[in-house]
Protein backbone atom coordinates (compact mmCIF):
# COMPACT_ATOMS: atom_id res chain seq x y z
CA UNK A 1 -0.37 27.63 9.64
CA UNK A 2 2.54 25.48 8.45
CA UNK A 3 4.23 23.17 10.92
CA UNK A 4 7.57 24.36 12.29
CA UNK A 5 10.65 22.11 12.39
CA UNK A 6 10.02 21.66 16.12
CA UNK A 7 6.46 20.52 15.40
CA UNK A 8 7.71 18.01 12.84
CA UNK A 9 10.45 16.75 15.18
CA UNK A 10 7.83 16.10 17.86
CA UNK A 11 6.11 13.66 15.50
CA UNK A 12 9.12 11.30 15.64
CA UNK A 13 10.58 9.06 18.32
CA UNK A 14 13.93 10.02 19.80
CA UNK A 15 16.30 9.18 16.95
CA UNK A 16 19.58 10.22 18.55
CA UNK A 17 22.41 8.35 16.88
CA UNK A 18 20.59 7.71 13.59
CA UNK A 19 22.14 9.96 10.94
CA UNK A 20 21.29 8.02 7.79
CA UNK A 21 18.14 9.58 6.34
CA UNK A 22 19.84 9.46 2.93
CA UNK A 23 19.71 5.65 3.28
CA UNK A 24 16.26 5.35 4.85
CA UNK A 25 14.20 7.66 7.02
CA UNK A 26 12.86 6.94 10.50
CA UNK A 27 9.06 6.55 10.35
CA UNK A 28 7.07 9.05 12.40
CA UNK A 29 5.06 7.68 15.30
CA UNK A 30 1.81 8.03 13.38
CA UNK A 31 3.14 5.84 10.56
CA UNK A 32 4.06 3.10 13.01
CA UNK A 33 0.61 3.34 14.58
CA UNK A 34 -1.10 3.20 11.18
CA UNK A 35 0.75 0.06 10.08
CA UNK A 36 0.13 -1.68 13.40
CA UNK A 37 -3.58 -0.81 13.28
CA UNK A 38 -3.82 -2.10 9.74
CA UNK A 39 -2.35 -5.45 10.77
CA UNK A 40 -5.17 -5.78 13.29
CA UNK A 41 -7.86 -4.90 10.74
CA UNK A 42 -9.41 -6.92 7.94
CA UNK A 43 -7.86 -6.20 4.52
CA UNK A 44 -10.02 -3.67 2.68
CA UNK A 45 -9.03 -2.62 -0.86
CA UNK A 46 -11.46 0.31 -0.75
CA UNK A 47 -9.75 1.66 2.35
CA UNK A 48 -6.32 1.07 0.85
CA UNK A 49 -7.23 2.88 -2.36
CA UNK A 50 -8.49 5.87 -0.39
CA UNK A 51 -5.20 5.97 1.53
CA UNK A 52 -3.21 5.79 -1.71
CA UNK A 53 -5.17 8.72 -3.13
CA UNK A 54 -4.46 10.79 -0.03
CA UNK A 55 -0.78 9.95 -0.49
CA UNK A 56 -0.98 11.15 -4.09
CA UNK A 57 -2.57 14.41 -2.94
CA UNK A 58 0.05 14.99 -0.23
CA UNK A 59 2.93 14.41 -2.62
CA UNK A 60 1.35 16.71 -5.20
CA UNK A 61 1.13 19.39 -2.54
CA UNK A 62 4.78 18.83 -1.61
CA UNK A 63 6.00 19.41 -5.16
CA UNK A 64 3.42 21.99 -6.20
CA UNK A 65 1.42 20.20 -8.88
CA UNK A 66 -2.14 18.96 -9.35
CA UNK A 67 -2.70 15.39 -8.13
CA UNK A 68 -3.81 14.53 -11.68
CA UNK A 69 -0.17 15.00 -12.78
CA UNK A 70 1.14 12.37 -10.33
CA UNK A 71 1.40 8.61 -10.92
CA UNK A 72 1.88 6.06 -8.15
CA UNK A 73 4.60 3.43 -8.18
CA UNK A 74 6.86 1.34 -6.00
CA UNK A 75 10.40 2.03 -7.30
CA UNK A 76 12.01 4.89 -9.14
CA UNK A 77 13.87 2.53 -11.49
CA UNK A 78 10.58 1.08 -12.75
CA UNK A 79 9.23 4.55 -13.43
CA UNK A 80 12.43 5.60 -15.18
CA UNK A 81 12.19 2.43 -17.28
CA UNK A 82 8.74 3.55 -18.42
CA UNK A 83 10.26 6.80 -19.65
CA UNK A 84 13.23 5.03 -21.24
CA UNK A 85 10.91 2.75 -23.19
CA UNK A 86 9.13 5.80 -24.61
CA UNK A 87 12.20 7.63 -25.89
CA UNK A 88 12.69 7.66 -29.66
CA UNK A 89 15.19 5.27 -31.21
CA UNK A 90 18.69 6.72 -31.17
CA UNK A 91 17.93 9.13 -28.31
CA UNK A 92 20.82 10.66 -26.38
CA UNK A 93 20.49 10.86 -22.60
CA UNK A 94 22.83 13.09 -20.59
CA UNK A 95 23.50 12.24 -16.92
CA UNK A 96 25.96 13.41 -14.25
CA UNK A 97 29.07 11.34 -13.67
CA UNK A 98 28.57 8.99 -10.72
CA UNK A 99 24.79 9.30 -10.86
CA UNK A 100 22.72 6.80 -8.88
CA UNK A 101 22.29 3.67 -10.98
CA UNK A 102 18.48 3.49 -10.75
CA UNK A 103 18.36 6.69 -12.81
CA UNK A 104 20.99 5.60 -15.32
CA UNK A 105 20.69 1.85 -15.97
CA UNK A 106 17.18 1.95 -17.48
CA UNK A 107 18.62 4.11 -20.27
CA UNK A 108 21.87 2.16 -20.57
CA UNK A 109 19.91 -1.05 -21.20
CA UNK A 110 17.02 0.42 -23.19
CA UNK A 111 18.44 -0.73 -26.55
CA UNK A 112 17.14 0.78 -29.80
CA UNK A 113 20.32 2.80 -30.23
CA UNK A 114 19.75 4.90 -27.11
CA UNK A 115 23.06 6.18 -25.74
CA UNK A 116 24.01 7.68 -22.40
CA UNK A 117 26.58 10.45 -22.08
CA UNK A 118 27.93 11.75 -18.79
CA UNK A 119 29.48 14.98 -17.58
CA UNK A 120 30.54 16.34 -14.18
CA UNK A 121 27.57 17.62 -12.19
CA UNK A 122 28.87 21.19 -12.09
CA UNK A 123 29.34 21.14 -15.87
CA UNK A 124 26.12 19.35 -16.77
CA UNK A 125 24.36 22.44 -18.10
CA UNK A 126 27.31 23.23 -20.38
CA UNK A 127 27.26 19.64 -21.71
CA UNK A 128 23.72 19.91 -23.09
CA UNK A 129 23.82 20.24 -26.86
CA UNK A 130 21.63 19.93 -29.93
CA UNK A 131 21.98 16.14 -29.91
CA UNK A 132 20.64 15.79 -26.36
CA UNK A 133 17.17 14.25 -26.09
CA UNK A 134 16.86 14.06 -22.31
CA UNK A 135 18.84 15.32 -19.32
CA UNK A 136 18.36 12.96 -16.35
CA UNK A 137 19.84 14.00 -13.01
CA UNK A 138 19.31 13.82 -9.27
CA UNK A 139 18.82 17.27 -7.83
CA UNK A 140 20.76 16.03 -4.78
CA UNK A 141 23.48 13.48 -5.44
CA UNK A 142 23.35 10.30 -3.39
CA UNK A 143 27.07 9.67 -3.05
CA UNK A 144 28.15 13.18 -2.09
CA UNK A 145 25.06 15.21 -1.16
CA UNK A 146 25.98 17.80 -3.81
CA UNK A 147 23.03 19.91 -4.96
CA UNK A 148 22.67 20.44 -8.70
CA UNK A 149 22.17 23.84 -10.28
CA UNK A 150 18.74 22.80 -11.49
CA UNK A 151 17.87 26.23 -12.90
CA UNK A 152 20.93 26.24 -15.17
CA UNK A 153 20.35 22.64 -16.29
CA UNK A 154 16.69 23.26 -17.13
CA UNK A 155 17.52 26.49 -18.98
CA UNK A 156 20.18 24.72 -21.07
CA UNK A 157 17.81 21.87 -21.85
CA UNK A 158 15.12 24.28 -23.01
CA UNK A 159 17.57 26.14 -25.25
CA UNK A 160 18.36 22.86 -26.99
CA UNK A 161 14.77 21.51 -26.86
CA UNK A 162 15.76 18.61 -24.63
CA UNK A 163 13.50 17.11 -21.97
CA UNK A 164 14.42 17.01 -18.29
CA UNK A 165 13.99 14.21 -15.76
CA UNK A 166 14.75 15.04 -12.13
CA UNK A 167 15.17 12.42 -9.42
CA UNK A 168 14.16 14.18 -6.19
CA UNK A 169 14.47 11.18 -3.87
CA UNK A 170 17.31 12.80 -1.91
CA UNK A 171 15.59 16.20 -1.85
CA UNK A 172 11.85 16.16 -1.19
CA UNK A 173 11.39 16.20 2.55
CA UNK A 174 14.16 18.66 3.33
CA UNK A 175 14.24 21.18 0.47
CA UNK A 176 11.55 22.89 -1.60
CA UNK A 177 11.18 21.24 -5.00
CA UNK A 178 8.84 22.40 -7.76
CA UNK A 179 8.04 19.45 -10.01
CA UNK A 180 6.59 21.75 -12.65
CA UNK A 181 10.08 23.00 -13.46
CA UNK A 182 10.88 19.63 -15.06
CA UNK A 183 9.26 17.51 -17.74
CA UNK A 184 9.28 14.57 -15.31
CA UNK A 185 10.15 14.11 -11.66
CA UNK A 186 10.54 10.82 -9.81
CA UNK A 187 10.77 10.37 -6.07
CA UNK A 188 10.87 7.40 -3.71
CA UNK A 189 9.41 8.36 -0.33
CA UNK A 190 11.38 6.09 2.00
CA UNK A 191 14.30 8.43 2.55
CA UNK A 192 13.69 12.07 3.51
CA UNK A 193 9.90 11.63 3.51
CA UNK A 194 10.23 8.85 6.10
CA UNK A 195 7.68 6.53 4.50
CA UNK A 196 7.92 2.73 4.25
CA UNK A 197 9.84 1.44 1.25
CA UNK A 198 7.58 0.72 -1.72
CA UNK A 199 5.99 4.16 -2.20
CA UNK A 200 7.22 6.16 -5.19
CA UNK A 201 5.83 8.93 -7.37
CA UNK A 202 6.17 10.18 -10.93
CA UNK A 203 5.08 13.74 -11.71
CA UNK A 204 4.69 14.57 -15.38
CA UNK A 205 4.09 17.64 -17.50
CA UNK A 206 1.05 16.99 -19.65
CA UNK A 207 2.84 17.43 -22.97
CA UNK A 208 5.54 14.94 -21.96
CA UNK A 209 2.98 12.48 -20.59
CA UNK A 210 1.35 12.44 -24.04
CA UNK A 211 4.54 10.90 -25.47
CA UNK A 212 4.68 8.03 -22.95
CA UNK A 213 3.01 4.67 -23.44
CA UNK A 214 1.28 3.06 -20.41
CA UNK A 215 3.42 -0.05 -20.75
CA UNK A 216 2.84 -1.29 -17.22
CA UNK A 217 -0.89 -0.60 -17.12
CA UNK A 218 -2.90 -2.78 -14.77
CA UNK A 219 -6.31 -2.57 -13.19
CA UNK A 220 -5.36 0.42 -11.03
CA UNK A 221 -4.53 2.46 -14.15
CA UNK A 222 -8.17 2.31 -15.24
CA UNK A 223 -10.42 5.35 -15.32
CA UNK A 224 -12.51 3.32 -12.87
CA UNK A 225 -10.15 0.77 -11.33
CA UNK A 226 -13.02 -1.32 -10.00
CA UNK A 227 -14.40 -1.68 -13.54
CA UNK A 228 -10.96 -2.48 -14.97
CA UNK A 229 -10.23 -5.76 -13.23
CA UNK A 230 -11.00 -8.11 -16.12
CA UNK A 231 -10.82 -8.35 -19.87
CA UNK A 232 -9.24 -6.33 -22.63
CA UNK A 233 -11.55 -3.33 -23.02
CA UNK A 234 -10.71 -1.29 -19.89
CA UNK A 235 -10.54 2.46 -20.39
CA UNK A 236 -7.38 3.91 -18.90
CA UNK A 237 -7.42 7.11 -16.87
CA UNK A 238 -6.94 10.31 -18.85
CA UNK A 239 -4.68 11.74 -16.15
CA UNK A 240 -1.23 10.53 -15.02
CA UNK A 241 -3.12 7.81 -13.17
CA UNK A 242 -2.87 5.75 -16.37
CA UNK A 243 0.77 5.17 -15.39
CA UNK A 244 -0.13 3.89 -11.90
CA UNK A 245 0.79 0.47 -10.66
CA UNK A 246 -1.35 -1.15 -7.99
CA UNK A 247 -0.24 0.33 -4.64
CA UNK A 248 1.53 -1.81 -2.07
CA UNK A 249 -1.19 -1.66 0.56
CA UNK A 250 0.65 -1.61 3.85
CA UNK A 251 3.39 0.63 2.47
CA UNK A 252 0.90 3.31 1.48
CA UNK A 253 -0.92 2.91 4.78
CA UNK A 254 2.30 3.76 6.58
CA UNK A 255 3.23 6.47 4.10
CA UNK A 256 0.00 8.43 4.47
CA UNK A 257 0.78 10.05 7.88
CA UNK A 258 4.41 10.70 6.93
CA UNK A 259 3.53 12.41 3.66
CA UNK A 260 0.79 14.46 5.32
CA UNK A 261 3.28 15.55 7.98
CA UNK A 262 5.82 16.87 5.49
CA UNK A 263 3.17 18.34 3.22
CA UNK A 264 1.98 20.40 6.18
CA UNK A 265 5.45 21.65 7.13
CA UNK A 266 7.22 24.87 6.16
CA UNK A 267 9.73 23.59 3.55
CA UNK A 268 12.06 26.57 3.77
CA UNK A 269 12.21 26.35 7.57
CA UNK A 270 12.95 22.61 7.33
CA UNK A 271 15.73 23.29 4.85
CA UNK A 272 17.29 25.94 7.06
CA UNK A 273 17.08 23.64 10.08
CA UNK A 274 18.76 20.59 8.57
CA UNK A 275 21.37 22.43 6.52
CA UNK A 276 22.23 24.42 9.64
CA UNK A 277 22.93 21.20 11.52
CA UNK A 278 25.10 20.00 8.65
CA UNK A 279 27.00 23.29 8.58
CA UNK A 280 27.69 22.94 12.31
CA UNK A 281 29.02 19.42 11.76
CA UNK A 282 31.29 20.52 8.91
CA UNK A 283 32.71 23.22 11.13
CA UNK A 284 33.44 20.70 13.87
CA UNK A 285 35.07 18.32 11.38
CA UNK A 286 36.93 21.11 9.57
CA UNK A 287 35.28 20.26 6.24
CA UNK A 288 34.76 22.81 3.45
CA UNK A 289 31.33 24.28 2.87
CA UNK A 290 29.55 22.97 -0.26
CA UNK A 291 28.63 25.21 -3.16
CA UNK A 292 24.96 24.82 -2.23
CA UNK A 293 23.66 24.01 1.23
CA UNK A 294 22.91 20.34 1.84
CA UNK A 295 22.18 18.25 4.96
CA UNK A 296 24.34 15.40 3.63
CA UNK A 297 27.91 15.61 4.91
CA UNK A 298 30.53 13.46 3.20
CA UNK A 299 34.28 13.06 3.38
CA UNK A 300 36.78 10.58 1.98
CA UNK A 301 36.98 7.40 4.05
CA UNK A 302 38.15 4.72 1.65
CA UNK A 303 39.34 2.43 4.44
CA UNK A 304 36.03 2.73 6.29
CA UNK A 305 37.89 3.64 9.49
CA UNK A 306 35.70 6.65 10.29
CA UNK A 307 32.47 4.77 9.65
CA UNK A 308 33.84 2.07 11.95
CA UNK A 309 34.42 4.65 14.69
CA UNK A 310 30.90 5.99 14.31
CA UNK A 311 29.35 2.54 14.48
CA UNK A 312 31.46 1.65 17.51
CA UNK A 313 29.94 4.71 19.20
CA UNK A 314 26.42 3.54 18.35
CA UNK A 315 25.97 6.03 15.51
CA UNK A 316 24.30 4.76 12.34
CA UNK A 317 25.77 6.42 9.26
CA UNK A 318 26.59 5.06 5.79
CA UNK A 319 29.47 4.61 3.39
CA UNK A 320 29.13 5.21 -0.36
CA UNK A 321 31.67 5.42 -3.18
CA UNK A 322 34.58 5.67 -0.77
CA UNK A 323 32.90 8.40 1.28
CA UNK A 324 31.70 8.43 4.85
CA UNK A 325 28.18 9.83 4.60
CA UNK A 326 26.12 11.48 7.33
CA UNK A 327 22.61 12.81 6.78
CA UNK A 328 21.03 15.15 9.32
CA UNK A 329 17.25 15.29 9.16
CA UNK A 330 14.58 17.01 11.21
CA UNK A 331 14.57 14.19 13.78
CA UNK A 332 18.25 14.95 14.51
CA UNK A 333 19.57 17.79 16.68
CA UNK A 334 22.74 19.31 18.10
CA UNK A 335 23.36 16.19 20.20
CA UNK A 336 24.05 14.26 17.02
CA UNK A 337 26.59 16.83 15.88
CA UNK A 338 28.40 16.56 19.22
CA UNK A 339 28.22 12.75 19.24
CA UNK A 340 29.72 12.49 15.75
CA UNK A 341 32.53 14.93 16.50
CA UNK A 342 33.32 13.12 19.76
CA UNK A 343 33.34 9.70 18.08
CA UNK A 344 35.81 10.99 15.49
CA UNK A 345 37.86 12.80 18.14
CA UNK A 346 37.40 16.16 16.49
């Protein structure tokens, strides 16, 4: 039976006052215990590799693909750079306006005549045309929390034979995401999946993976990593593992319990829980409802006065692109809604 939101909440320490999961998640208690235990143990690459493979399996379960379709990394920008380097010369990449830079800059600086076009998020599907090679977008926007109409974007891309790259960093962990809907999906696990920073994933459709060169291949990309440590004749893995980079040991050790926790949860119930909290906060702050439910609540705060009030009240939120930004995750509850409203005198 899938874990309920209450079950998942019980896996965390009391996080009252921390409403910044869109910046970085709070690690569950089991992740803290795992990292502390590892520091007291002798380093063991065999043990670390086994942990990394369990992380791969948990993420694959979260996004509904076979583990063989998932590559391990440390940063989304590095994984996006791998894709950018494999685009044909003169490719056209379409992104939303104001998209997070880690998804955009690898294409901007790819050279070889590759160009980047932008369009408003709500008009992105309409902006896809016959010249578009790749549509790259975050399914949940970092600056505003807006949720993209992924179905419409994917359908438009298919009509024009363009590939799709989805950044799910601000989504996986609170909303159901099916990686198989996209040609590629990247996700860093340190936000809504509450893992240590340094654990990222790339899920690839097999036909798209066949067009990508393993430009950052190292020993861990080998079919047998332990036989790929030396020399020039290593055989790379046939699966998406050929795009792996060597895992950051302690980061994956801490990520393993967090990823297993979310992989075992009911994703729809989690989504309803956190978006319900956000809806309650918007009502208290007299903010309009978004087009699609999101647990990220933003409002204009160019002076930073509201963020200052929250911090003075001991509430950790964030400020991005002139917005005050609050993220309500499963470790938050109604107390946080009341505390925020009180701090802002609403």
